[in-house]
PDB file of all heavy atoms in Angstrom:
ATOM      1  N   ALA A   1       0.805  -1.223   0.034  1.00  0.00           N
ATOM      2  CA  ALA A   1      -0.054   0.005  -0.011  1.00  0.00           C
ATOM      3  C   ALA A   1       0.879   1.253   0.019  1.00  0.00           C
ATOM      4  O   ALA A   1       0.600   2.185  -0.693  1.00  0.00           O
ATOM      5  CB  ALA A   1      -0.913  -0.035   1.216  1.00  0.00           C
ATOM      6  N   GLY A   2       1.905   1.299   0.807  1.00  0.00           N
ATOM      7  CA  GLY A   2       2.795   2.424   0.966  1.00  0.00           C
ATOM      8  C   GLY A   2       3.530   2.726  -0.402  1.00  0.00           C
ATOM      9  O   GLY A   2       3.638   3.821  -0.911  1.00  0.00           O
ATOM     10  N   PHE A   3       4.016   1.608  -0.932  1.00  0.00           N
ATOM     11  CA  PHE A   3       4.724   1.678  -2.282  1.00  0.00           C
ATOM     12  C   PHE A   3       3.780   2.238  -3.350  1.00  0.00           C
ATOM     13  O   PHE A   3       4.175   3.046  -4.159  1.00  0.00           O
ATOM     14  CB  PHE A   3       5.281   0.297  -2.682  1.00  0.00           C
ATOM     15  CG  PHE A   3       5.845   0.297  -4.033  1.00  0.00           C
ATOM     16  CD1 PHE A   3       7.109   0.767  -4.344  1.00  0.00           C
ATOM     17  CD2 PHE A   3       5.095  -0.288  -5.081  1.00  0.00           C
ATOM     18  CE1 PHE A   3       7.666   0.677  -5.594  1.00  0.00           C
ATOM     19  CE2 PHE A   3       5.601  -0.294  -6.372  1.00  0.00           C
ATOM     20  CZ  PHE A   3       6.875   0.175  -6.611  1.00  0.00           C
ATOM     21  N   ILE A   4       2.559   1.742  -3.420  1.00  0.00           N
ATOM     22  CA  ILE A   4       1.589   2.135  -4.408  1.00  0.00           C
ATOM     23  C   ILE A   4       1.284   3.684  -4.281  1.00  0.00           C
ATOM     24  O   ILE A   4       1.208   4.401  -5.264  1.00  0.00           O
ATOM     25  CB  ILE A   4       0.350   1.280  -4.366  1.00  0.00           C
ATOM     26  CG1 ILE A   4       0.634  -0.026  -4.819  1.00  0.00           C
ATOM     27  CG2 ILE A   4      -0.791   1.900  -5.156  1.00  0.00           C
ATOM     28  CD1 ILE A   4      -0.426  -1.099  -4.652  1.00  0.00           C
ATOM     29  N   THR A   5       1.103   4.105  -2.970  1.00  0.00           N
ATOM     30  CA  THR A   5       0.775   5.467  -2.777  1.00  0.00           C
ATOM     31  C   THR A   5       1.904   6.409  -3.225  1.00  0.00           C
ATOM     32  O   THR A   5       1.750   7.391  -3.904  1.00  0.00           O
ATOM     33  CB  THR A   5       0.405   5.746  -1.344  1.00  0.00           C
ATOM     34  OG1 THR A   5      -0.630   4.949  -0.863  1.00  0.00           O
ATOM     35  CG2 THR A   5       0.048   7.208  -1.072  1.00  0.00           C
ATOM     36  N   ALA A   6       3.157   6.026  -2.820  1.00  0.00           N
ATOM     37  CA  ALA A   6       4.309   6.753  -3.074  1.00  0.00           C
ATOM     38  C   ALA A   6       4.534   6.780  -4.651  1.00  0.00           C
ATOM     39  O   ALA A   6       4.813   7.837  -5.257  1.00  0.00           O
ATOM     40  CB  ALA A   6       5.550   6.305  -2.332  1.00  0.00           C
ATOM     41  N   GLY A   7       4.350   5.587  -5.194  1.00  0.00           N
ATOM     42  CA  GLY A   7       4.560   5.425  -6.671  1.00  0.00           C
ATOM     43  C   GLY A   7       3.597   6.281  -7.450  1.00  0.00           C
ATOM     44  O   GLY A   7       3.972   6.894  -8.533  1.00  0.00           O
ATOM     45  N   PHE A   8       2.356   6.438  -6.986  1.00  0.00           N
ATOM     46  CA  PHE A   8       1.331   7.268  -7.693  1.00  0.00           C
ATOM     47  C   PHE A   8       1.781   8.662  -7.744  1.00  0.00           C
ATOM     48  O   PHE A   8       1.736   9.267  -8.882  1.00  0.00           O
ATOM     49  CB  PHE A   8       0.001   7.115  -6.947  1.00  0.00           C
ATOM     50  CG  PHE A   8      -1.068   8.105  -7.540  1.00  0.00           C
ATOM     51  CD1 PHE A   8      -1.734   7.813  -8.631  1.00  0.00           C
ATOM     52  CD2 PHE A   8      -1.314   9.276  -6.810  1.00  0.00           C
ATOM     53  CE1 PHE A   8      -2.714   8.740  -9.168  1.00  0.00           C
ATOM     54  CE2 PHE A   8      -2.200  10.163  -7.284  1.00  0.00           C
ATOM     55  CZ  PHE A   8      -2.996   9.858  -8.458  1.00  0.00           C
ATOM     56  N   PHE A   9       2.188   9.229  -6.643  1.00  0.00           N
ATOM     57  CA  PHE A   9       2.655  10.638  -6.680  1.00  0.00           C
ATOM     58  C   PHE A   9       3.910  10.867  -7.395  1.00  0.00           C
ATOM     59  O   PHE A   9       4.106  11.953  -8.057  1.00  0.00           O
ATOM     60  CB  PHE A   9       2.757  11.139  -5.238  1.00  0.00           C
ATOM     61  CG  PHE A   9       1.435  11.330  -4.519  1.00  0.00           C
ATOM     62  CD1 PHE A   9       0.989  10.440  -3.534  1.00  0.00           C
ATOM     63  CD2 PHE A   9       0.638  12.347  -4.911  1.00  0.00           C
ATOM     64  CE1 PHE A   9      -0.189  10.663  -2.929  1.00  0.00           C
ATOM     65  CE2 PHE A   9      -0.647  12.561  -4.273  1.00  0.00           C
ATOM     66  CZ  PHE A   9      -1.054  11.667  -3.261  1.00  0.00           C
ATOM     67  N   VAL A  10       4.812   9.997  -7.314  1.00  0.00           N
ATOM     68  CA  VAL A  10       6.106  10.032  -8.071  1.00  0.00           C
ATOM     69  C   VAL A  10       5.776  10.052  -9.619  1.00  0.00           C
ATOM     70  O   VAL A  10       6.351  10.906 -10.345  1.00  0.00           O
ATOM     71  CB  VAL A  10       7.069   8.889  -7.727  1.00  0.00           C
ATOM     72  CG1 VAL A  10       8.256   8.863  -8.720  1.00  0.00           C
ATOM     73  CG2 VAL A  10       7.589   9.065  -6.345  1.00  0.00           C
ATOM     74  N   LEU A  11       4.945   9.115 -10.089  1.00  0.00           N
ATOM     75  CA  LEU A  11       4.640   9.014 -11.460  1.00  0.00           C
ATOM     76  C   LEU A  11       3.830  10.197 -11.913  1.00  0.00           C
ATOM     77  O   LEU A  11       3.989  10.713 -12.992  1.00  0.00           O
ATOM     78  CB  LEU A  11       3.815   7.700 -11.706  1.00  0.00           C
ATOM     79  CG  LEU A  11       4.662   6.440 -11.637  1.00  0.00           C
ATOM     80  CD1 LEU A  11       3.697   5.250 -11.748  1.00  0.00           C
ATOM     81  CD2 LEU A  11       5.703   6.401 -12.768  1.00  0.00           C
ATOM     82  N   LEU A  12       2.885  10.658 -11.012  1.00  0.00           N
ATOM     83  CA  LEU A  12       2.162  11.858 -11.370  1.00  0.00           C
ATOM     84  C   LEU A  12       3.102  13.143 -11.549  1.00  0.00           C
ATOM     85  O   LEU A  12       2.915  13.860 -12.498  1.00  0.00           O
ATOM     86  CB  LEU A  12       1.117  12.148 -10.272  1.00  0.00           C
ATOM     87  CG  LEU A  12       0.244  13.436 -10.429  1.00  0.00           C
ATOM     88  CD1 LEU A  12      -0.520  13.357 -11.700  1.00  0.00           C
ATOM     89  CD2 LEU A  12      -0.632  13.693  -9.234  1.00  0.00           C
ATOM     90  N   GLY A  13       4.033  13.257 -10.659  1.00  0.00           N
ATOM     91  CA  GLY A  13       4.997  14.322 -10.800  1.00  0.00           C
ATOM     92  C   GLY A  13       5.811  14.185 -12.054  1.00  0.00           C
ATOM     93  O   GLY A  13       6.065  15.153 -12.802  1.00  0.00           O
ATOM     94  N   ALA A  14       6.306  13.017 -12.389  1.00  0.00           N
ATOM     95  CA  ALA A  14       7.094  12.736 -13.615  1.00  0.00           C
ATOM     96  C   ALA A  14       6.303  13.071 -14.829  1.00  0.00           C
ATOM     97  O   ALA A  14       6.818  13.621 -15.767  1.00  0.00           O
ATOM     98  CB  ALA A  14       7.571  11.318 -13.602  1.00  0.00           C
ATOM     99  N   VAL A  15       4.943  12.697 -14.902  1.00  0.00           N
ATOM    100  CA  VAL A  15       4.127  12.958 -16.075  1.00  0.00           C
ATOM    101  C   VAL A  15       3.964  14.482 -16.196  1.00  0.00           C
ATOM    102  O   VAL A  15       4.077  14.973 -17.315  1.00  0.00           O
ATOM    103  CB  VAL A  15       2.821  12.298 -15.881  1.00  0.00           C
ATOM    104  CG1 VAL A  15       1.815  12.717 -16.970  1.00  0.00           C
ATOM    105  CG2 VAL A  15       2.935  10.793 -16.012  1.00  0.00           C
ATOM    106  N   LEU A  16       3.712  15.223 -15.087  1.00  0.00           N
ATOM    107  CA  LEU A  16       3.593  16.664 -15.148  1.00  0.00           C
ATOM    108  C   LEU A  16       4.889  17.349 -15.707  1.00  0.00           C
ATOM    109  O   LEU A  16       4.830  18.239 -16.523  1.00  0.00           O
ATOM    110  CB  LEU A  16       3.171  17.184 -13.835  1.00  0.00           C
ATOM    111  CG  LEU A  16       1.823  16.832 -13.375  1.00  0.00           C
ATOM    112  CD1 LEU A  16       1.576  17.378 -11.920  1.00  0.00           C
ATOM    113  CD2 LEU A  16       0.782  17.382 -14.265  1.00  0.00           C
ATOM    114  N   VAL A  17       5.986  16.837 -15.234  1.00  0.00           N
ATOM    115  CA  VAL A  17       7.284  17.424 -15.692  1.00  0.00           C
ATOM    116  C   VAL A  17       7.431  17.165 -17.231  1.00  0.00           C
ATOM    117  O   VAL A  17       7.900  18.011 -17.943  1.00  0.00           O
ATOM    118  CB  VAL A  17       8.467  16.749 -14.907  1.00  0.00           C
ATOM    119  CG1 VAL A  17       9.772  17.041 -15.564  1.00  0.00           C
ATOM    120  CG2 VAL A  17       8.464  17.251 -13.476  1.00  0.00           C
ATOM    121  N   SER A  18       7.062  15.914 -17.669  1.00  0.00           N
ATOM    122  CA  SER A  18       7.266  15.603 -19.089  1.00  0.00           C
ATOM    123  C   SER A  18       6.311  16.436 -19.945  1.00  0.00           C
ATOM    124  O   SER A  18       6.627  16.612 -21.188  1.00  0.00           O
ATOM    125  CB  SER A  18       6.925  14.088 -19.307  1.00  0.00           C
ATOM    126  OG  SER A  18       5.527  13.869 -19.114  1.00  0.00           O
ATOM    127  N   LEU A  19       5.243  16.976 -19.424  1.00  0.00           N
ATOM    128  CA  LEU A  19       4.400  17.846 -20.216  1.00  0.00           C
ATOM    129  C   LEU A  19       4.993  19.234 -20.533  1.00  0.00           C
ATOM    130  O   LEU A  19       4.663  19.885 -21.478  1.00  0.00           O
ATOM    131  CB  LEU A  19       3.035  18.037 -19.456  1.00  0.00           C
ATOM    132  CG  LEU A  19       2.155  16.795 -19.415  1.00  0.00           C
ATOM    133  CD1 LEU A  19       0.816  17.095 -18.533  1.00  0.00           C
ATOM    134  CD2 LEU A  19       1.794  16.317 -20.779  1.00  0.00           C
ATOM    135  N   PHE A  20       5.863  19.714 -19.624  1.00  0.00           N
ATOM    136  CA  PHE A  20       6.385  21.050 -19.687  1.00  0.00           C
ATOM    137  C   PHE A  20       7.913  21.069 -20.069  1.00  0.00           C
ATOM    138  O   PHE A  20       8.403  22.107 -20.537  1.00  0.00           O
ATOM    139  CB  PHE A  20       6.172  21.799 -18.395  1.00  0.00           C
ATOM    140  CG  PHE A  20       4.763  21.988 -18.038  1.00  0.00           C
ATOM    141  CD1 PHE A  20       4.125  21.176 -17.067  1.00  0.00           C
ATOM    142  CD2 PHE A  20       3.957  22.893 -18.614  1.00  0.00           C
ATOM    143  CE1 PHE A  20       2.819  21.310 -16.689  1.00  0.00           C
ATOM    144  CE2 PHE A  20       2.591  23.038 -18.322  1.00  0.00           C
ATOM    145  CZ  PHE A  20       2.045  22.216 -17.349  1.00  0.00           C
ATOM    146  N   PHE A  21       8.569  20.054 -19.867  1.00  0.00           N
ATOM    147  CA  PHE A  21      10.018  20.022 -20.080  1.00  0.00           C
ATOM    148  C   PHE A  21      10.461  18.724 -20.896  1.00  0.00           C
ATOM    149  O   PHE A  21       9.880  17.643 -20.704  1.00  0.00           O
ATOM    150  CB  PHE A  21      10.817  19.979 -18.755  1.00  0.00           C
ATOM    151  CG  PHE A  21      10.474  21.136 -17.852  1.00  0.00           C
ATOM    152  CD1 PHE A  21       9.567  20.927 -16.747  1.00  0.00           C
ATOM    153  CD2 PHE A  21      11.138  22.402 -18.104  1.00  0.00           C
ATOM    154  CE1 PHE A  21       9.266  22.026 -15.958  1.00  0.00           C
ATOM    155  CE2 PHE A  21      10.816  23.469 -17.275  1.00  0.00           C
ATOM    156  CZ  PHE A  21       9.864  23.282 -16.146  1.00  0.00           C
ATOM    157  N   GLN A  22      11.342  18.899 -21.746  1.00  0.00           N
ATOM    158  CA  GLN A  22      11.851  17.771 -22.584  1.00  0.00           C
ATOM    159  C   GLN A  22      13.089  17.272 -21.879  1.00  0.00           C
ATOM    160  O   GLN A  22      14.206  17.755 -22.055  1.00  0.00           O
ATOM    161  CB  GLN A  22      12.281  18.274 -24.003  1.00  0.00           C
ATOM    162  CG  GLN A  22      11.035  18.684 -24.829  1.00  0.00           C
ATOM    163  CD  GLN A  22      10.065  17.532 -25.099  1.00  0.00           C
ATOM    164  OE1 GLN A  22      10.465  16.456 -25.210  1.00  0.00           O
ATOM    165  NE2 GLN A  22       8.793  17.871 -25.143  1.00  0.00           N
ATOM    166  N   VAL A  23      12.963  16.162 -21.061  1.00  0.00           N
ATOM    167  CA  VAL A  23      14.033  15.569 -20.381  1.00  0.00           C
ATOM    168  C   VAL A  23      14.403  14.231 -21.065  1.00  0.00           C
ATOM    169  O   VAL A  23      13.477  13.391 -21.138  1.00  0.00           O
ATOM    170  CB  VAL A  23      13.697  15.338 -18.867  1.00  0.00           C
ATOM    171  CG1 VAL A  23      14.816  14.696 -18.181  1.00  0.00           C
ATOM    172  CG2 VAL A  23      13.224  16.678 -18.235  1.00  0.00           C
ATOM    173  N   SER A  24      15.616  14.120 -21.499  1.00  0.00           N
ATOM    174  CA  SER A  24      16.028  12.861 -22.140  1.00  0.00           C
ATOM    175  C   SER A  24      15.846  11.691 -21.271  1.00  0.00           C
ATOM    176  O   SER A  24      16.310  11.584 -20.052  1.00  0.00           O
ATOM    177  CB  SER A  24      17.447  13.018 -22.504  1.00  0.00           C
ATOM    178  OG  SER A  24      17.951  11.826 -23.103  1.00  0.00           O
ATOM    179  N   GLY A  25      15.178  10.644 -21.850  1.00  0.00           N
ATOM    180  CA  GLY A  25      14.966   9.343 -21.101  1.00  0.00           C
ATOM    181  C   GLY A  25      13.798   9.361 -20.113  1.00  0.00           C
ATOM    182  O   GLY A  25      13.515   8.327 -19.523  1.00  0.00           O
ATOM    183  N   LEU A  26      13.197  10.539 -19.931  1.00  0.00           N
ATOM    184  CA  LEU A  26      12.127  10.564 -18.906  1.00  0.00           C
ATOM    185  C   LEU A  26      10.877   9.724 -19.283  1.00  0.00           C
ATOM    186  O   LEU A  26      10.312   9.042 -18.481  1.00  0.00           O
ATOM    187  CB  LEU A  26      11.632  12.071 -18.643  1.00  0.00           C
ATOM    188  CG  LEU A  26      10.568  12.307 -17.595  1.00  0.00           C
ATOM    189  CD1 LEU A  26      11.059  11.709 -16.231  1.00  0.00           C
ATOM    190  CD2 LEU A  26      10.207  13.724 -17.550  1.00  0.00           C
ATOM    191  N   GLN A  27      10.463   9.806 -20.620  1.00  0.00           N
ATOM    192  CA  GLN A  27       9.353   8.968 -21.021  1.00  0.00           C
ATOM    193  C   GLN A  27       9.655   7.455 -20.846  1.00  0.00           C
ATOM    194  O   GLN A  27       8.722   6.767 -20.391  1.00  0.00           O
ATOM    195  CB  GLN A  27       9.005   9.300 -22.469  1.00  0.00           C
ATOM    196  CG  GLN A  27       8.326  10.643 -22.756  1.00  0.00           C
ATOM    197  CD  GLN A  27       6.959  10.723 -22.078  1.00  0.00           C
ATOM    198  OE1 GLN A  27       6.325   9.698 -21.771  1.00  0.00           O
ATOM    199  NE2 GLN A  27       6.509  11.895 -21.797  1.00  0.00           N
ATOM    200  N   LEU A  28      10.864   7.063 -21.103  1.00  0.00           N
ATOM    201  CA  LEU A  28      11.201   5.705 -20.981  1.00  0.00           C
ATOM    202  C   LEU A  28      11.131   5.305 -19.437  1.00  0.00           C
ATOM    203  O   LEU A  28      10.627   4.189 -19.086  1.00  0.00           O
ATOM    204  CB  LEU A  28      12.602   5.460 -21.462  1.00  0.00           C
ATOM    205  CG  LEU A  28      13.057   4.033 -21.629  1.00  0.00           C
ATOM    206  CD1 LEU A  28      12.204   3.358 -22.732  1.00  0.00           C
ATOM    207  CD2 LEU A  28      14.552   3.957 -22.085  1.00  0.00           C
ATOM    208  N   ALA A  29      11.607   6.171 -18.606  1.00  0.00           N
ATOM    209  CA  ALA A  29      11.570   5.911 -17.112  1.00  0.00           C
ATOM    210  C   ALA A  29      10.129   5.891 -16.651  1.00  0.00           C
ATOM    211  O   ALA A  29       9.789   5.043 -15.837  1.00  0.00           O
ATOM    212  CB  ALA A  29      12.332   6.971 -16.424  1.00  0.00           C
ATOM    213  N   ILE A  30       9.249   6.759 -17.126  1.00  0.00           N
ATOM    214  CA  ILE A  30       7.833   6.781 -16.749  1.00  0.00           C
ATOM    215  C   ILE A  30       7.175   5.440 -17.185  1.00  0.00           C
ATOM    216  O   ILE A  30       6.461   4.809 -16.394  1.00  0.00           O
ATOM    217  CB  ILE A  30       7.093   7.952 -17.389  1.00  0.00           C
ATOM    218  CG1 ILE A  30       7.630   9.277 -16.816  1.00  0.00           C
ATOM    219  CG2 ILE A  30       5.589   7.829 -17.213  1.00  0.00           C
ATOM    220  CD1 ILE A  30       7.039  10.458 -17.453  1.00  0.00           C
ATOM    221  N   SER A  31       7.502   4.953 -18.407  1.00  0.00           N
ATOM    222  CA  SER A  31       6.912   3.738 -18.851  1.00  0.00           C
ATOM    223  C   SER A  31       7.284   2.535 -17.958  1.00  0.00           C
ATOM    224  O   SER A  31       6.510   1.706 -17.525  1.00  0.00           O
ATOM    225  CB  SER A  31       7.237   3.442 -20.379  1.00  0.00           C
ATOM    226  OG  SER A  31       6.720   4.452 -21.165  1.00  0.00           O
TER     227      SER A  31
END
């Protein structure tokens, strides 16, 4: 449960970053 909660917010933050910034390898890491 804790891993899933933390993972949700980490992935949400990564997705938001990918919308505004072009970071090399970020999309691969998100997937």
